[in-house]
All heavy atoms as atom14 arrays in JSON, in Angstrom:
{
  "sequence": "ADFGRFALGTAGAVVLNILLFEWLRLSATRFYSARVREAEPWIR",
  "atom14_mask": [
    [1, 1, 1, 1, 1, 0, 0, 0, 0, 0, 0, 0, 0, 0],
    [1, 1, 1, 1, 1, 1, 1, 1, 0, 0, 0, 0, 0, 0],
    [1, 1, 1, 1, 1, 1, 1, 1, 1, 1, 1, 0, 0, 0],
    [1, 1, 1, 1, 0, 0, 0, 0, 0, 0, 0, 0, 0, 0],
    [1, 1, 1, 1, 1, 1, 1, 1, 1, 1, 1, 0, 0, 0],
    [1, 1, 1, 1, 1, 1, 1, 1, 1, 1, 1, 0, 0, 0],
    [1, 1, 1, 1, 1, 0, 0, 0, 0, 0, 0, 0, 0, 0],
    [1, 1, 1, 1, 1, 1, 1, 1, 0, 0, 0, 0, 0, 0],
    [1, 1, 1, 1, 0, 0, 0, 0, 0, 0, 0, 0, 0, 0],
    [1, 1, 1, 1, 1, 1, 1, 0, 0, 0, 0, 0, 0, 0],
    [1, 1, 1, 1, 1, 0, 0, 0, 0, 0, 0, 0, 0, 0],
    [1, 1, 1, 1, 0, 0, 0, 0, 0, 0, 0, 0, 0, 0],
    [1, 1, 1, 1, 1, 0, 0, 0, 0, 0, 0, 0, 0, 0],
    [1, 1, 1, 1, 1, 1, 1, 0, 0, 0, 0, 0, 0, 0],
    [1, 1, 1, 1, 1, 1, 1, 0, 0, 0, 0, 0, 0, 0],
    [1, 1, 1, 1, 1, 1, 1, 1, 0, 0, 0, 0, 0, 0],
    [1, 1, 1, 1, 1, 1, 1, 1, 0, 0, 0, 0, 0, 0],
    [1, 1, 1, 1, 1, 1, 1, 1, 0, 0, 0, 0, 0, 0],
    [1, 1, 1, 1, 1, 1, 1, 1, 0, 0, 0, 0, 0, 0],
    [1, 1, 1, 1, 1, 1, 1, 1, 0, 0, 0, 0, 0, 0],
    [1, 1, 1, 1, 1, 1, 1, 1, 1, 1, 1, 0, 0, 0],
    [1, 1, 1, 1, 1, 1, 1, 1, 1, 0, 0, 0, 0, 0],
    [1, 1, 1, 1, 1, 1, 1, 1, 1, 1, 1, 1, 1, 1],
    [1, 1, 1, 1, 1, 1, 1, 1, 0, 0, 0, 0, 0, 0],
    [1, 1, 1, 1, 1, 1, 1, 1, 1, 1, 1, 0, 0, 0],
    [1, 1, 1, 1, 1, 1, 1, 1, 0, 0, 0, 0, 0, 0],
    [1, 1, 1, 1, 1, 1, 0, 0, 0, 0, 0, 0, 0, 0],
    [1, 1, 1, 1, 1, 0, 0, 0, 0, 0, 0, 0, 0, 0],
    [1, 1, 1, 1, 1, 1, 1, 0, 0, 0, 0, 0, 0, 0],
    [1, 1, 1, 1, 1, 1, 1, 1, 1, 1, 1, 0, 0, 0],
    [1, 1, 1, 1, 1, 1, 1, 1, 1, 1, 1, 0, 0, 0],
    [1, 1, 1, 1, 1, 1, 1, 1, 1, 1, 1, 1, 0, 0],
    [1, 1, 1, 1, 1, 1, 0, 0, 0, 0, 0, 0, 0, 0],
    [1, 1, 1, 1, 1, 0, 0, 0, 0, 0, 0, 0, 0, 0],
    [1, 1, 1, 1, 1, 1, 1, 1, 1, 1, 1, 0, 0, 0],
    [1, 1, 1, 1, 1, 1, 1, 0, 0, 0, 0, 0, 0, 0],
    [1, 1, 1, 1, 1, 1, 1, 1, 1, 1, 1, 0, 0, 0],
    [1, 1, 1, 1, 1, 1, 1, 1, 1, 0, 0, 0, 0, 0],
    [1, 1, 1, 1, 1, 0, 0, 0, 0, 0, 0, 0, 0, 0],
    [1, 1, 1, 1, 1, 1, 1, 1, 1, 0, 0, 0, 0, 0],
    [1, 1, 1, 1, 1, 1, 1, 0, 0, 0, 0, 0, 0, 0],
    [1, 1, 1, 1, 1, 1, 1, 1, 1, 1, 1, 1, 1, 1],
    [1, 1, 1, 1, 1, 1, 1, 1, 0, 0, 0, 0, 0, 0],
    [1, 1, 1, 1, 1, 1, 1, 1, 1, 1, 1, 0, 0, 0]
  ],
  "atom14_positions": [
    [[0.83, -1.22, 0.0], [0.0, 0.0, 0.0], [0.86, 1.26, 0.0], [0.67, 2.16, -0.83], [-0.95, -0.01, 1.19], [0.0, 0.0, 0.0], [0.0, 0.0, 0.0], [0.0, 0.0, 0.0], [0.0, 0.0, 0.0], [0.0, 0.0, 0.0], [0.0, 0.0, 0.0], [0.0, 0.0, 0.0], [0.0, 0.0, 0.0], [0.0, 0.0, 0.0]],
    [[1.81, 1.36, 0.94], [2.65, 2.55, 0.98], [3.6, 2.61, -0.2], [3.96, 3.71, -0.66], [3.44, 2.6, 2.3], [2.59, 3.08, 3.46], [1.78, 4.01, 3.25], [2.7, 2.53, 4.57], [0.0, 0.0, 0.0], [0.0, 0.0, 0.0], [0.0, 0.0, 0.0], [0.0, 0.0, 0.0], [0.0, 0.0, 0.0], [0.0, 0.0, 0.0]],
    [[4.03, 1.45, -0.71], [4.84, 1.48, -1.92], [4.01, 1.98, -3.09], [4.54, 2.67, -3.98], [5.42, 0.1, -2.23], [6.33, 0.1, -3.42], [7.61, 0.62, -3.33], [5.9, -0.41, -4.65], [8.45, 0.64, -4.43], [6.74, -0.39, -5.76], [8.02, 0.13, -5.64], [0.0, 0.0, 0.0], [0.0, 0.0, 0.0], [0.0, 0.0, 0.0]],
    [[2.74, 1.65, -3.13], [1.85, 2.2, -4.16], [1.8, 3.71, -4.09], [1.85, 4.4, -5.12], [0.0, 0.0, 0.0], [0.0, 0.0, 0.0], [0.0, 0.0, 0.0], [0.0, 0.0, 0.0], [0.0, 0.0, 0.0], [0.0, 0.0, 0.0], [0.0, 0.0, 0.0], [0.0, 0.0, 0.0], [0.0, 0.0, 0.0], [0.0, 0.0, 0.0]],
    [[1.7, 4.27, -2.87], [1.73, 5.73, -2.72], [3.07, 6.31, -3.17], [3.13, 7.33, -3.85], [1.46, 6.1, -1.26], [0.05, 5.78, -0.77], [-0.14, 6.19, 0.69], [-1.51, 5.94, 1.13], [-1.93, 4.8, 1.65], [-1.07, 3.79, 1.8], [-3.18, 4.66, 2.02], [0.0, 0.0, 0.0], [0.0, 0.0, 0.0], [0.0, 0.0, 0.0]],
    [[4.15, 5.64, -2.75], [5.49, 6.09, -3.13], [5.65, 6.08, -4.65], [6.17, 7.04, -5.24], [6.53, 5.18, -2.47], [7.93, 5.35, -2.98], [8.72, 6.41, -2.56], [8.47, 4.45, -3.89], [10.01, 6.57, -3.03], [9.76, 4.6, -4.37], [10.53, 5.67, -3.93], [0.0, 0.0, 0.0], [0.0, 0.0, 0.0], [0.0, 0.0, 0.0]],
    [[5.21, 5.01, -5.3], [5.36, 4.9, -6.75], [4.52, 5.94, -7.47], [4.95, 6.53, -8.47], [4.97, 3.49, -7.21], [0.0, 0.0, 0.0], [0.0, 0.0, 0.0], [0.0, 0.0, 0.0], [0.0, 0.0, 0.0], [0.0, 0.0, 0.0], [0.0, 0.0, 0.0], [0.0, 0.0, 0.0], [0.0, 0.0, 0.0], [0.0, 0.0, 0.0]],
    [[3.32, 6.2, -6.95], [2.46, 7.2, -7.58], [3.08, 8.59, -7.45], [3.13, 9.37, -8.41], [1.08, 7.17, -6.93], [-0.02, 8.04, -7.58], [-0.26, 7.61, -9.02], [-1.31, 7.95, -6.77], [0.0, 0.0, 0.0], [0.0, 0.0, 0.0], [0.0, 0.0, 0.0], [0.0, 0.0, 0.0], [0.0, 0.0, 0.0], [0.0, 0.0, 0.0]],
    [[3.59, 8.91, -6.25], [4.23, 10.2, -6.05], [5.5, 10.35, -6.87], [5.78, 11.42, -7.43], [0.0, 0.0, 0.0], [0.0, 0.0, 0.0], [0.0, 0.0, 0.0], [0.0, 0.0, 0.0], [0.0, 0.0, 0.0], [0.0, 0.0, 0.0], [0.0, 0.0, 0.0], [0.0, 0.0, 0.0], [0.0, 0.0, 0.0], [0.0, 0.0, 0.0]],
    [[6.28, 9.26, -6.97], [7.51, 9.3, -7.77], [7.19, 9.51, -9.24], [7.91, 10.24, -9.95], [8.3, 7.99, -7.58], [8.63, 7.85, -6.19], [9.57, 7.99, -8.4], [0.0, 0.0, 0.0], [0.0, 0.0, 0.0], [0.0, 0.0, 0.0], [0.0, 0.0, 0.0], [0.0, 0.0, 0.0], [0.0, 0.0, 0.0], [0.0, 0.0, 0.0]],
    [[6.12, 8.89, -9.73], [5.71, 9.11, -11.11], [5.36, 10.58, -11.33], [5.68, 11.16, -12.37], [4.52, 8.22, -11.46], [0.0, 0.0, 0.0], [0.0, 0.0, 0.0], [0.0, 0.0, 0.0], [0.0, 0.0, 0.0], [0.0, 0.0, 0.0], [0.0, 0.0, 0.0], [0.0, 0.0, 0.0], [0.0, 0.0, 0.0], [0.0, 0.0, 0.0]],
    [[4.72, 11.2, -10.34], [4.43, 12.63, -10.43], [5.69, 13.47, -10.46], [5.79, 14.46, -11.2], [0.0, 0.0, 0.0], [0.0, 0.0, 0.0], [0.0, 0.0, 0.0], [0.0, 0.0, 0.0], [0.0, 0.0, 0.0], [0.0, 0.0, 0.0], [0.0, 0.0, 0.0], [0.0, 0.0, 0.0], [0.0, 0.0, 0.0], [0.0, 0.0, 0.0]],
    [[6.7, 13.08, -9.66], [7.98, 13.8, -9.65], [8.67, 13.7, -11.0], [9.26, 14.67, -11.5], [8.89, 13.25, -8.55], [0.0, 0.0, 0.0], [0.0, 0.0, 0.0], [0.0, 0.0, 0.0], [0.0, 0.0, 0.0], [0.0, 0.0, 0.0], [0.0, 0.0, 0.0], [0.0, 0.0, 0.0], [0.0, 0.0, 0.0], [0.0, 0.0, 0.0]],
    [[8.6, 12.53, -11.62], [9.21, 12.34, -12.94], [8.52, 13.22, -13.98], [9.16, 13.84, -14.84], [9.16, 10.85, -13.34], [9.58, 10.67, -14.8], [10.06, 10.04, -12.43], [0.0, 0.0, 0.0], [0.0, 0.0, 0.0], [0.0, 0.0, 0.0], [0.0, 0.0, 0.0], [0.0, 0.0, 0.0], [0.0, 0.0, 0.0], [0.0, 0.0, 0.0]],
    [[7.18, 13.3, -13.9], [6.45, 14.16, -14.83], [6.87, 15.62, -14.66], [7.12, 16.34, -15.64], [4.93, 14.01, -14.63], [4.17, 15.08, -15.4], [4.46, 12.63, -15.06], [0.0, 0.0, 0.0], [0.0, 0.0, 0.0], [0.0, 0.0, 0.0], [0.0, 0.0, 0.0], [0.0, 0.0, 0.0], [0.0, 0.0, 0.0], [0.0, 0.0, 0.0]],
    [[6.96, 16.09, -13.41], [7.39, 17.46, -13.15], [8.81, 17.7, -13.67], [9.1, 18.76, -14.24], [7.32, 17.76, -11.66], [5.94, 17.99, -11.06], [6.03, 18.11, -9.54], [5.31, 19.26, -11.64], [0.0, 0.0, 0.0], [0.0, 0.0, 0.0], [0.0, 0.0, 0.0], [0.0, 0.0, 0.0], [0.0, 0.0, 0.0], [0.0, 0.0, 0.0]],
    [[9.69, 16.74, -13.43], [11.07, 16.88, -13.89], [11.13, 17.02, -15.41], [11.83, 17.88, -15.94], [11.89, 15.68, -13.43], [13.28, 15.66, -14.03], [14.04, 16.59, -13.88], [13.6, 14.6, -14.76], [0.0, 0.0, 0.0], [0.0, 0.0, 0.0], [0.0, 0.0, 0.0], [0.0, 0.0, 0.0], [0.0, 0.0, 0.0], [0.0, 0.0, 0.0]],
    [[10.39, 16.18, -16.1], [10.4, 16.25, -17.56], [9.78, 17.55, -18.04], [10.3, 18.22, -18.94], [9.66, 15.02, -18.14], [10.47, 13.75, -17.88], [9.41, 15.2, -19.62], [9.77, 12.49, -18.29], [0.0, 0.0, 0.0], [0.0, 0.0, 0.0], [0.0, 0.0, 0.0], [0.0, 0.0, 0.0], [0.0, 0.0, 0.0], [0.0, 0.0, 0.0]],
    [[8.67, 17.93, -17.43], [7.96, 19.13, -17.86], [8.8, 20.38, -17.71], [8.81, 21.26, -18.58], [6.67, 19.26, -17.05], [5.72, 20.41, -17.42], [5.2, 20.24, -18.83], [4.57, 20.47, -16.43], [0.0, 0.0, 0.0], [0.0, 0.0, 0.0], [0.0, 0.0, 0.0], [0.0, 0.0, 0.0], [0.0, 0.0, 0.0], [0.0, 0.0, 0.0]],
    [[9.56, 20.48, -16.61], [10.26, 21.73, -16.29], [11.75, 21.7, -16.58], [12.34, 22.75, -16.89], [10.03, 22.07, -14.81], [8.57, 22.3, -14.4], [8.46, 22.49, -12.9], [8.0, 23.5, -15.14], [0.0, 0.0, 0.0], [0.0, 0.0, 0.0], [0.0, 0.0, 0.0], [0.0, 0.0, 0.0], [0.0, 0.0, 0.0], [0.0, 0.0, 0.0]],
    [[12.4, 20.53, -16.46], [13.86, 20.49, -16.55], [14.39, 19.72, -17.75], [15.57, 19.85, -18.08], [14.45, 19.86, -15.29], [14.2, 20.65, -14.03], [13.36, 20.16, -13.04], [14.81, 21.87, -13.83], [13.13, 20.88, -11.89], [14.59, 22.61, -12.67], [13.75, 22.11, -11.7], [0.0, 0.0, 0.0], [0.0, 0.0, 0.0], [0.0, 0.0, 0.0]],
    [[13.55, 18.92, -18.39], [14.06, 18.05, -19.45], [14.66, 18.83, -20.61], [15.63, 18.4, -21.23], [12.93, 17.12, -19.95], [13.32, 16.16, -21.04], [14.17, 15.0, -20.54], [14.57, 15.0, -19.37], [14.42, 14.08, -21.34], [0.0, 0.0, 0.0], [0.0, 0.0, 0.0], [0.0, 0.0, 0.0], [0.0, 0.0, 0.0], [0.0, 0.0, 0.0]],
    [[14.1, 20.0, -20.91], [14.64, 20.76, -22.03], [16.06, 21.22, -21.76], [16.87, 21.36, -22.68], [13.73, 21.95, -22.35], [13.76, 23.06, -21.33], [13.06, 23.11, -20.17], [14.54, 24.26, -21.4], [13.36, 24.28, -19.51], [14.25, 25.0, -20.23], [15.44, 24.77, -22.33], [14.85, 26.23, -19.98], [16.03, 26.0, -22.08], [15.73, 26.72, -20.93]],
    [[16.4, 21.42, -20.48], [17.77, 21.78, -20.13], [18.72, 20.61, -20.4], [19.81, 20.78, -20.95], [17.85, 22.18, -18.67], [17.18, 23.5, -18.28], [17.1, 23.63, -16.77], [17.95, 24.67, -18.87], [0.0, 0.0, 0.0], [0.0, 0.0, 0.0], [0.0, 0.0, 0.0], [0.0, 0.0, 0.0], [0.0, 0.0, 0.0], [0.0, 0.0, 0.0]],
    [[18.29, 19.41, -19.98], [19.13, 18.22, -20.22], [19.3, 17.97, -21.71], [20.4, 17.7, -22.19], [18.5, 17.0, -19.55], [19.37, 15.75, -19.64], [18.62, 14.5, -19.23], [17.57, 14.17, -20.17], [17.77, 13.53, -21.32], [19.0, 13.21, -21.7], [16.76, 13.24, -22.11], [0.0, 0.0, 0.0], [0.0, 0.0, 0.0], [0.0, 0.0, 0.0]],
    [[18.21, 18.09, -22.46], [18.28, 17.87, -23.9], [19.18, 18.9, -24.58], [19.96, 18.56, -25.48], [16.87, 17.94, -24.5], [15.93, 16.79, -24.15], [14.5, 17.13, -24.53], [16.37, 15.51, -24.83], [0.0, 0.0, 0.0], [0.0, 0.0, 0.0], [0.0, 0.0, 0.0], [0.0, 0.0, 0.0], [0.0, 0.0, 0.0], [0.0, 0.0, 0.0]],
    [[19.08, 20.15, -24.15], [19.92, 21.19, -24.74], [21.39, 20.95, -24.44], [22.25, 21.14, -25.3], [19.48, 22.56, -24.22], [18.16, 22.86, -24.6], [0.0, 0.0, 0.0], [0.0, 0.0, 0.0], [0.0, 0.0, 0.0], [0.0, 0.0, 0.0], [0.0, 0.0, 0.0], [0.0, 0.0, 0.0], [0.0, 0.0, 0.0], [0.0, 0.0, 0.0]],
    [[21.67, 20.53, -23.2], [23.07, 20.22, -22.86], [23.58, 19.05, -23.68], [24.73, 19.05, -24.16], [23.18, 19.93, -21.36], [0.0, 0.0, 0.0], [0.0, 0.0, 0.0], [0.0, 0.0, 0.0], [0.0, 0.0, 0.0], [0.0, 0.0, 0.0], [0.0, 0.0, 0.0], [0.0, 0.0, 0.0], [0.0, 0.0, 0.0], [0.0, 0.0, 0.0]],
    [[22.74, 18.03, -23.86], [23.15, 16.85, -24.62], [23.39, 17.18, -26.09], [24.34, 16.68, -26.7], [22.05, 15.76, -24.51], [21.85, 15.45, -23.13], [22.46, 14.51, -25.25], [0.0, 0.0, 0.0], [0.0, 0.0, 0.0], [0.0, 0.0, 0.0], [0.0, 0.0, 0.0], [0.0, 0.0, 0.0], [0.0, 0.0, 0.0], [0.0, 0.0, 0.0]],
    [[22.56, 18.05, -26.66], [22.63, 18.33, -28.11], [23.56, 19.48, -28.46], [24.23, 19.46, -29.5], [21.21, 18.63, -28.64], [21.14, 18.91, -30.16], [21.55, 17.68, -30.92], [21.54, 17.91, -32.36], [22.55, 18.39, -33.07], [23.67, 18.73, -32.46], [22.46, 18.53, -34.38], [0.0, 0.0, 0.0], [0.0, 0.0, 0.0], [0.0, 0.0, 0.0]],
    [[23.66, 20.5, -27.59], [24.34, 21.73, -27.98], [25.58, 22.06, -27.14], [26.27, 23.04, -27.43], [23.37, 22.92, -27.92], [22.19, 22.79, -28.83], [20.94, 22.44, -28.35], [22.34, 22.99, -30.19], [19.85, 22.33, -29.19], [21.25, 22.87, -31.05], [20.01, 22.54, -30.55], [0.0, 0.0, 0.0], [0.0, 0.0, 0.0], [0.0, 0.0, 0.0]],
    [[25.87, 21.28, -26.11], [27.03, 21.55, -25.28], [28.09, 20.49, -25.55], [27.77, 19.32, -25.77], [26.63, 21.54, -23.8], [27.75, 21.86, -22.83], [28.19, 23.16, -22.65], [28.34, 20.85, -22.08], [29.2, 23.46, -21.74], [29.35, 21.14, -21.17], [29.77, 22.45, -21.01], [30.78, 22.73, -20.11], [0.0, 0.0, 0.0], [0.0, 0.0, 0.0]],
    [[29.35, 20.89, -25.54], [30.45, 19.96, -25.77], [31.72, 20.61, -25.26], [31.73, 21.77, -24.84], [30.58, 19.62, -27.26], [30.94, 20.77, -28.0], [0.0, 0.0, 0.0], [0.0, 0.0, 0.0], [0.0, 0.0, 0.0], [0.0, 0.0, 0.0], [0.0, 0.0, 0.0], [0.0, 0.0, 0.0], [0.0, 0.0, 0.0], [0.0, 0.0, 0.0]],
    [[32.83, 19.87, -25.33], [34.12, 20.45, -24.94], [34.47, 21.63, -25.83], [35.03, 22.64, -25.37], [35.2, 19.38, -24.99], [0.0, 0.0, 0.0], [0.0, 0.0, 0.0], [0.0, 0.0, 0.0], [0.0, 0.0, 0.0], [0.0, 0.0, 0.0], [0.0, 0.0, 0.0], [0.0, 0.0, 0.0], [0.0, 0.0, 0.0], [0.0, 0.0, 0.0]],
    [[34.12, 21.55, -27.12], [34.4, 22.67, -28.03], [33.56, 23.88, -27.66], [34.06, 25.01, -27.62], [34.09, 22.25, -29.48], [34.41, 23.33, -30.51], [33.7, 23.07, -31.82], [32.25, 23.14, -31.68], [31.57, 24.29, -31.65], [32.21, 25.46, -31.72], [30.27, 24.28, -31.54], [0.0, 0.0, 0.0], [0.0, 0.0, 0.0], [0.0, 0.0, 0.0]],
    [[32.27, 23.65, -27.38], [31.38, 24.76, -27.01], [31.83, 25.39, -25.7], [31.75, 26.61, -25.51], [29.93, 24.25, -26.92], [29.01, 25.29, -26.29], [29.41, 23.85, -28.29], [0.0, 0.0, 0.0], [0.0, 0.0, 0.0], [0.0, 0.0, 0.0], [0.0, 0.0, 0.0], [0.0, 0.0, 0.0], [0.0, 0.0, 0.0], [0.0, 0.0, 0.0]],
    [[32.33, 24.56, -24.79], [32.81, 25.07, -23.5], [33.9, 26.13, -23.69], [33.97, 27.11, -22.95], [33.34, 23.91, -22.66], [33.79, 24.3, -21.26], [34.16, 23.05, -20.48], [34.48, 23.37, -19.1], [35.73, 23.56, -18.63], [36.76, 23.45, -19.47], [35.93, 23.85, -17.37], [0.0, 0.0, 0.0], [0.0, 0.0, 0.0], [0.0, 0.0, 0.0]],
    [[34.75, 25.92, -24.7], [35.84, 26.87, -24.95], [35.4, 28.02, -25.85], [35.75, 29.17, -25.61], [37.02, 26.13, -25.6], [37.62, 25.03, -24.75], [38.22, 25.57, -23.46], [38.71, 26.72, -23.47], [38.18, 24.84, -22.45], [0.0, 0.0, 0.0], [0.0, 0.0, 0.0], [0.0, 0.0, 0.0], [0.0, 0.0, 0.0], [0.0, 0.0, 0.0]],
    [[34.63, 27.69, -26.89], [34.3, 28.71, -27.9], [33.07, 29.54, -27.55], [33.0, 30.72, -27.91], [34.1, 28.04, -29.26], [0.0, 0.0, 0.0], [0.0, 0.0, 0.0], [0.0, 0.0, 0.0], [0.0, 0.0, 0.0], [0.0, 0.0, 0.0], [0.0, 0.0, 0.0], [0.0, 0.0, 0.0], [0.0, 0.0, 0.0], [0.0, 0.0, 0.0]],
    [[32.09, 28.95, -26.89], [30.84, 29.65, -26.58], [30.44, 29.4, -25.12], [29.4, 28.8, -24.84], [29.73, 29.16, -27.52], [30.04, 29.38, -28.99], [29.01, 28.7, -29.9], [29.07, 27.47, -30.04], [28.16, 29.43, -30.44], [0.0, 0.0, 0.0], [0.0, 0.0, 0.0], [0.0, 0.0, 0.0], [0.0, 0.0, 0.0], [0.0, 0.0, 0.0]],
    [[31.23, 29.86, -24.17], [30.98, 29.54, -22.77], [29.69, 30.13, -22.22], [29.18, 29.66, -21.2], [32.2, 30.15, -22.06], [32.7, 31.19, -23.0], [32.43, 30.69, -24.36], [0.0, 0.0, 0.0], [0.0, 0.0, 0.0], [0.0, 0.0, 0.0], [0.0, 0.0, 0.0], [0.0, 0.0, 0.0], [0.0, 0.0, 0.0], [0.0, 0.0, 0.0]],
    [[29.15, 31.13, -22.87], [27.92, 31.74, -22.39], [26.72, 30.8, -22.49], [25.72, 30.99, -21.8], [27.64, 33.03, -23.17], [27.68, 32.87, -24.65], [28.76, 32.99, -25.47], [26.59, 32.53, -25.5], [28.42, 32.75, -26.77], [27.08, 32.48, -26.83], [25.24, 32.28, -25.28], [26.29, 32.18, -27.91], [24.44, 31.97, -26.36], [24.96, 31.93, -27.66]],
    [[26.82, 29.77, -23.35], [25.71, 28.8, -23.45], [25.51, 28.09, -22.12], [24.38, 27.94, -21.63], [25.99, 27.8, -24.6], [25.8, 28.49, -25.95], [25.07, 26.59, -24.49], [26.06, 27.6, -27.14], [0.0, 0.0, 0.0], [0.0, 0.0, 0.0], [0.0, 0.0, 0.0], [0.0, 0.0, 0.0], [0.0, 0.0, 0.0], [0.0, 0.0, 0.0]],
    [[26.6, 27.63, -21.52], [26.49, 26.96, -20.22], [25.96, 27.92, -19.15], [25.13, 27.53, -18.32], [27.87, 26.43, -19.82], [28.01, 25.99, -18.36], [27.2, 24.73, -18.05], [27.24, 24.45, -16.62], [28.24, 23.83, -16.0], [29.31, 23.42, -16.68], [28.18, 23.59, -14.71], [0.0, 0.0, 0.0], [0.0, 0.0, 0.0], [0.0, 0.0, 0.0]]
  ]
}
């Protein structure tokens, strides 16, 4: 029963994370690199 509550709440946390923060992770994955770190540091 309590694990069911925990799993339901965790699923909600994952939805919030994706909704609000996922675009940051995706942008870092696609547009940030060692080259960008040196040439365009303002992106980070």
